[in-house]
N, C-alpha and C. Protein backbone atom coordinates (compact mmCIF):
# COMPACT_ATOMS: atom_id res chain seq x y z
N MET A 1 0.85 -1.17 0.00
CA MET A 1 0.00 0.00 0.00
C MET A 1 0.89 1.23 0.00
N THR A 2 0.50 2.22 -0.76
CA THR A 2 1.30 3.43 -0.81
C THR A 2 1.11 4.24 0.46
N GLU A 3 2.05 5.09 0.73
CA GLU A 3 1.97 5.96 1.92
C GLU A 3 0.74 6.86 1.87
N ALA A 4 0.40 7.36 0.67
CA ALA A 4 -0.77 8.24 0.52
C ALA A 4 -2.05 7.50 0.91
N LEU A 5 -2.20 6.26 0.45
CA LEU A 5 -3.40 5.49 0.80
C LEU A 5 -3.43 5.15 2.28
N ASN A 6 -2.27 4.87 2.86
CA ASN A 6 -2.21 4.61 4.29
C ASN A 6 -2.62 5.84 5.09
N GLN A 7 -2.23 7.02 4.64
CA GLN A 7 -2.62 8.26 5.33
C GLN A 7 -4.13 8.47 5.25
N ILE A 8 -4.71 8.17 4.09
CA ILE A 8 -6.17 8.28 3.95
C ILE A 8 -6.85 7.32 4.91
N ARG A 9 -6.37 6.09 4.97
CA ARG A 9 -6.95 5.10 5.88
C ARG A 9 -6.87 5.58 7.33
N GLN A 10 -5.73 6.12 7.73
CA GLN A 10 -5.55 6.59 9.11
C GLN A 10 -6.46 7.78 9.43
N PHE A 11 -6.71 8.64 8.44
CA PHE A 11 -7.61 9.78 8.64
C PHE A 11 -9.00 9.31 9.06
N TYR A 12 -9.46 8.22 8.48
CA TYR A 12 -10.81 7.73 8.76
C TYR A 12 -10.86 6.72 9.90
N LYS A 13 -9.75 6.43 10.52
CA LYS A 13 -9.75 5.46 11.63
C LYS A 13 -10.32 6.11 12.89
N PRO A 14 -11.35 5.52 13.47
CA PRO A 14 -11.92 6.08 14.70
C PRO A 14 -10.95 5.90 15.88
N GLN A 15 -11.11 6.75 16.86
CA GLN A 15 -10.27 6.63 18.06
C GLN A 15 -10.43 5.28 18.70
N THR A 16 -11.67 4.83 18.79
CA THR A 16 -11.97 3.49 19.31
C THR A 16 -12.70 2.73 18.23
N VAL A 17 -12.09 1.67 17.73
CA VAL A 17 -12.72 0.85 16.70
C VAL A 17 -13.70 -0.10 17.38
N GLN A 18 -14.96 0.00 16.99
CA GLN A 18 -16.01 -0.87 17.53
C GLN A 18 -16.24 -2.07 16.61
N ILE A 19 -16.21 -1.79 15.29
CA ILE A 19 -16.44 -2.82 14.28
C ILE A 19 -15.37 -2.66 13.22
N ILE A 20 -14.64 -3.74 12.96
CA ILE A 20 -13.63 -3.70 11.90
C ILE A 20 -14.08 -4.61 10.77
N PHE A 21 -14.01 -4.08 9.57
CA PHE A 21 -14.33 -4.84 8.37
C PHE A 21 -13.01 -5.18 7.69
N ILE A 22 -12.71 -6.46 7.60
CA ILE A 22 -11.52 -6.92 6.88
C ILE A 22 -12.04 -7.29 5.50
N THR A 23 -11.77 -6.40 4.52
CA THR A 23 -12.50 -6.55 3.27
C THR A 23 -11.68 -6.61 2.01
N GLU A 24 -10.63 -5.82 1.91
CA GLU A 24 -10.04 -5.72 0.59
C GLU A 24 -8.60 -5.24 0.64
N ALA A 25 -7.90 -5.59 -0.39
CA ALA A 25 -6.59 -5.00 -0.65
C ALA A 25 -6.81 -3.91 -1.70
N VAL A 26 -5.85 -3.06 -1.88
CA VAL A 26 -5.97 -2.05 -2.93
C VAL A 26 -6.05 -2.79 -4.25
N GLN A 27 -7.07 -2.48 -5.00
CA GLN A 27 -7.30 -3.16 -6.26
C GLN A 27 -6.58 -2.44 -7.40
N PRO A 28 -6.36 -3.14 -8.51
CA PRO A 28 -5.75 -2.48 -9.67
C PRO A 28 -6.55 -1.24 -10.05
N GLY A 29 -5.88 -0.22 -10.48
CA GLY A 29 -6.57 1.01 -10.84
C GLY A 29 -6.84 1.89 -9.64
N LYS A 30 -6.19 1.55 -8.52
CA LYS A 30 -6.34 2.32 -7.28
C LYS A 30 -7.78 2.38 -6.79
N ARG A 31 -8.48 1.29 -6.85
CA ARG A 31 -9.82 1.21 -6.24
C ARG A 31 -9.60 0.87 -4.78
N PHE A 32 -10.26 1.64 -3.91
CA PHE A 32 -10.00 1.52 -2.48
C PHE A 32 -11.20 2.09 -1.72
N PHE A 33 -11.58 1.43 -0.64
CA PHE A 33 -12.76 1.84 0.13
C PHE A 33 -12.73 3.33 0.46
N TYR A 34 -11.63 3.80 1.03
CA TYR A 34 -11.59 5.19 1.48
C TYR A 34 -11.38 6.20 0.36
N LEU A 35 -11.16 5.73 -0.86
CA LEU A 35 -11.19 6.62 -2.03
C LEU A 35 -12.60 6.71 -2.59
N LYS A 36 -13.51 5.96 -2.00
CA LYS A 36 -14.94 5.98 -2.33
C LYS A 36 -15.21 5.50 -3.76
N ASN A 37 -14.38 4.59 -4.24
CA ASN A 37 -14.55 4.17 -5.63
C ASN A 37 -14.53 2.65 -5.81
N SER A 38 -14.69 1.90 -4.73
CA SER A 38 -14.66 0.44 -4.85
C SER A 38 -16.06 -0.15 -4.72
N ASN A 39 -16.19 -1.37 -5.20
CA ASN A 39 -17.48 -2.08 -5.03
C ASN A 39 -17.80 -2.28 -3.57
N VAL A 40 -16.79 -2.54 -2.76
CA VAL A 40 -17.00 -2.71 -1.32
C VAL A 40 -17.57 -1.42 -0.72
N PHE A 41 -17.01 -0.27 -1.09
CA PHE A 41 -17.53 1.01 -0.58
C PHE A 41 -19.00 1.16 -0.93
N ARG A 42 -19.34 0.93 -2.20
CA ARG A 42 -20.73 1.11 -2.63
C ARG A 42 -21.67 0.15 -1.90
N ALA A 43 -21.24 -1.09 -1.71
CA ALA A 43 -22.09 -2.07 -1.04
C ALA A 43 -22.28 -1.75 0.44
N VAL A 44 -21.21 -1.35 1.12
CA VAL A 44 -21.31 -1.02 2.55
C VAL A 44 -22.16 0.24 2.73
N LYS A 45 -21.95 1.24 1.88
CA LYS A 45 -22.75 2.47 1.97
C LYS A 45 -24.23 2.16 1.74
N GLU A 46 -24.53 1.33 0.76
CA GLU A 46 -25.92 0.96 0.48
C GLU A 46 -26.53 0.23 1.67
N ALA A 47 -25.81 -0.69 2.27
CA ALA A 47 -26.33 -1.42 3.43
C ALA A 47 -26.59 -0.46 4.59
N PHE A 48 -25.66 0.44 4.86
CA PHE A 48 -25.85 1.42 5.93
C PHE A 48 -27.03 2.35 5.61
N SER A 49 -27.20 2.72 4.34
CA SER A 49 -28.31 3.59 3.95
C SER A 49 -29.65 2.92 4.19
N GLN A 50 -29.71 1.62 3.95
CA GLN A 50 -30.96 0.89 4.18
C GLN A 50 -31.33 0.85 5.66
N VAL A 51 -30.33 0.82 6.51
CA VAL A 51 -30.57 0.74 7.95
C VAL A 51 -30.72 2.13 8.58
N PHE A 52 -29.87 3.07 8.20
CA PHE A 52 -29.79 4.37 8.87
C PHE A 52 -30.36 5.53 8.06
N GLY A 53 -30.79 5.28 6.84
CA GLY A 53 -31.32 6.34 5.99
C GLY A 53 -30.25 6.84 5.03
N GLU A 54 -30.71 7.58 4.05
CA GLU A 54 -29.82 8.08 3.00
C GLU A 54 -28.81 9.09 3.56
N PHE A 55 -27.66 9.11 2.97
CA PHE A 55 -26.61 10.08 3.30
C PHE A 55 -26.57 11.12 2.19
N LYS A 56 -26.28 12.36 2.55
CA LYS A 56 -26.23 13.44 1.56
C LYS A 56 -25.17 13.19 0.50
N ASN A 57 -24.05 12.64 0.94
CA ASN A 57 -22.93 12.39 0.02
C ASN A 57 -22.00 11.37 0.66
N ASP A 58 -20.95 11.03 -0.08
CA ASP A 58 -20.01 10.02 0.40
C ASP A 58 -19.27 10.47 1.65
N GLU A 59 -18.94 11.75 1.73
CA GLU A 59 -18.23 12.26 2.92
C GLU A 59 -19.09 12.15 4.17
N GLU A 60 -20.38 12.45 4.04
CA GLU A 60 -21.28 12.31 5.20
C GLU A 60 -21.33 10.86 5.65
N PHE A 61 -21.38 9.94 4.69
CA PHE A 61 -21.38 8.52 5.04
C PHE A 61 -20.10 8.14 5.78
N LEU A 62 -18.93 8.54 5.25
CA LEU A 62 -17.67 8.18 5.90
C LEU A 62 -17.55 8.80 7.29
N ALA A 63 -18.06 10.00 7.47
CA ALA A 63 -18.05 10.62 8.80
C ALA A 63 -18.92 9.80 9.75
N PHE A 64 -20.11 9.39 9.30
CA PHE A 64 -21.00 8.57 10.11
C PHE A 64 -20.35 7.23 10.44
N PHE A 65 -19.73 6.62 9.44
CA PHE A 65 -19.04 5.34 9.58
C PHE A 65 -17.98 5.44 10.68
N LYS A 66 -17.17 6.49 10.62
CA LYS A 66 -16.11 6.71 11.60
C LYS A 66 -16.68 7.01 12.99
N GLU A 67 -17.67 7.90 13.05
CA GLU A 67 -18.26 8.29 14.35
C GLU A 67 -18.87 7.09 15.07
N ASN A 68 -19.27 6.10 14.32
CA ASN A 68 -19.86 4.91 14.93
C ASN A 68 -18.86 3.78 15.14
N GLY A 69 -17.58 4.15 15.06
CA GLY A 69 -16.52 3.18 15.40
C GLY A 69 -16.25 2.14 14.34
N CYS A 70 -16.67 2.37 13.12
CA CYS A 70 -16.47 1.41 12.04
C CYS A 70 -15.18 1.74 11.30
N TYR A 71 -14.51 0.69 10.83
CA TYR A 71 -13.23 0.87 10.16
C TYR A 71 -12.99 -0.28 9.20
N VAL A 72 -12.45 0.04 8.02
CA VAL A 72 -12.10 -0.98 7.04
C VAL A 72 -10.60 -1.13 7.03
N ASP A 73 -10.14 -2.37 7.15
CA ASP A 73 -8.70 -2.65 7.08
C ASP A 73 -8.46 -3.72 6.05
């Protein structure tokens, strides 16, 4: 993983991780959960939207994800 992607991952890491999703490696073409461009991101966001309601945008979803102690590694 590149240093830039690791920094992005650390930015979204909650202080206390309540739920960790072990889901993916960086895919070819730089698809990555925290870049908001992977199938895993879309699927997790959709599942959370069904339970918690729609999010205004991807950033609102990631903020909610982090605030609730969720983290993808």
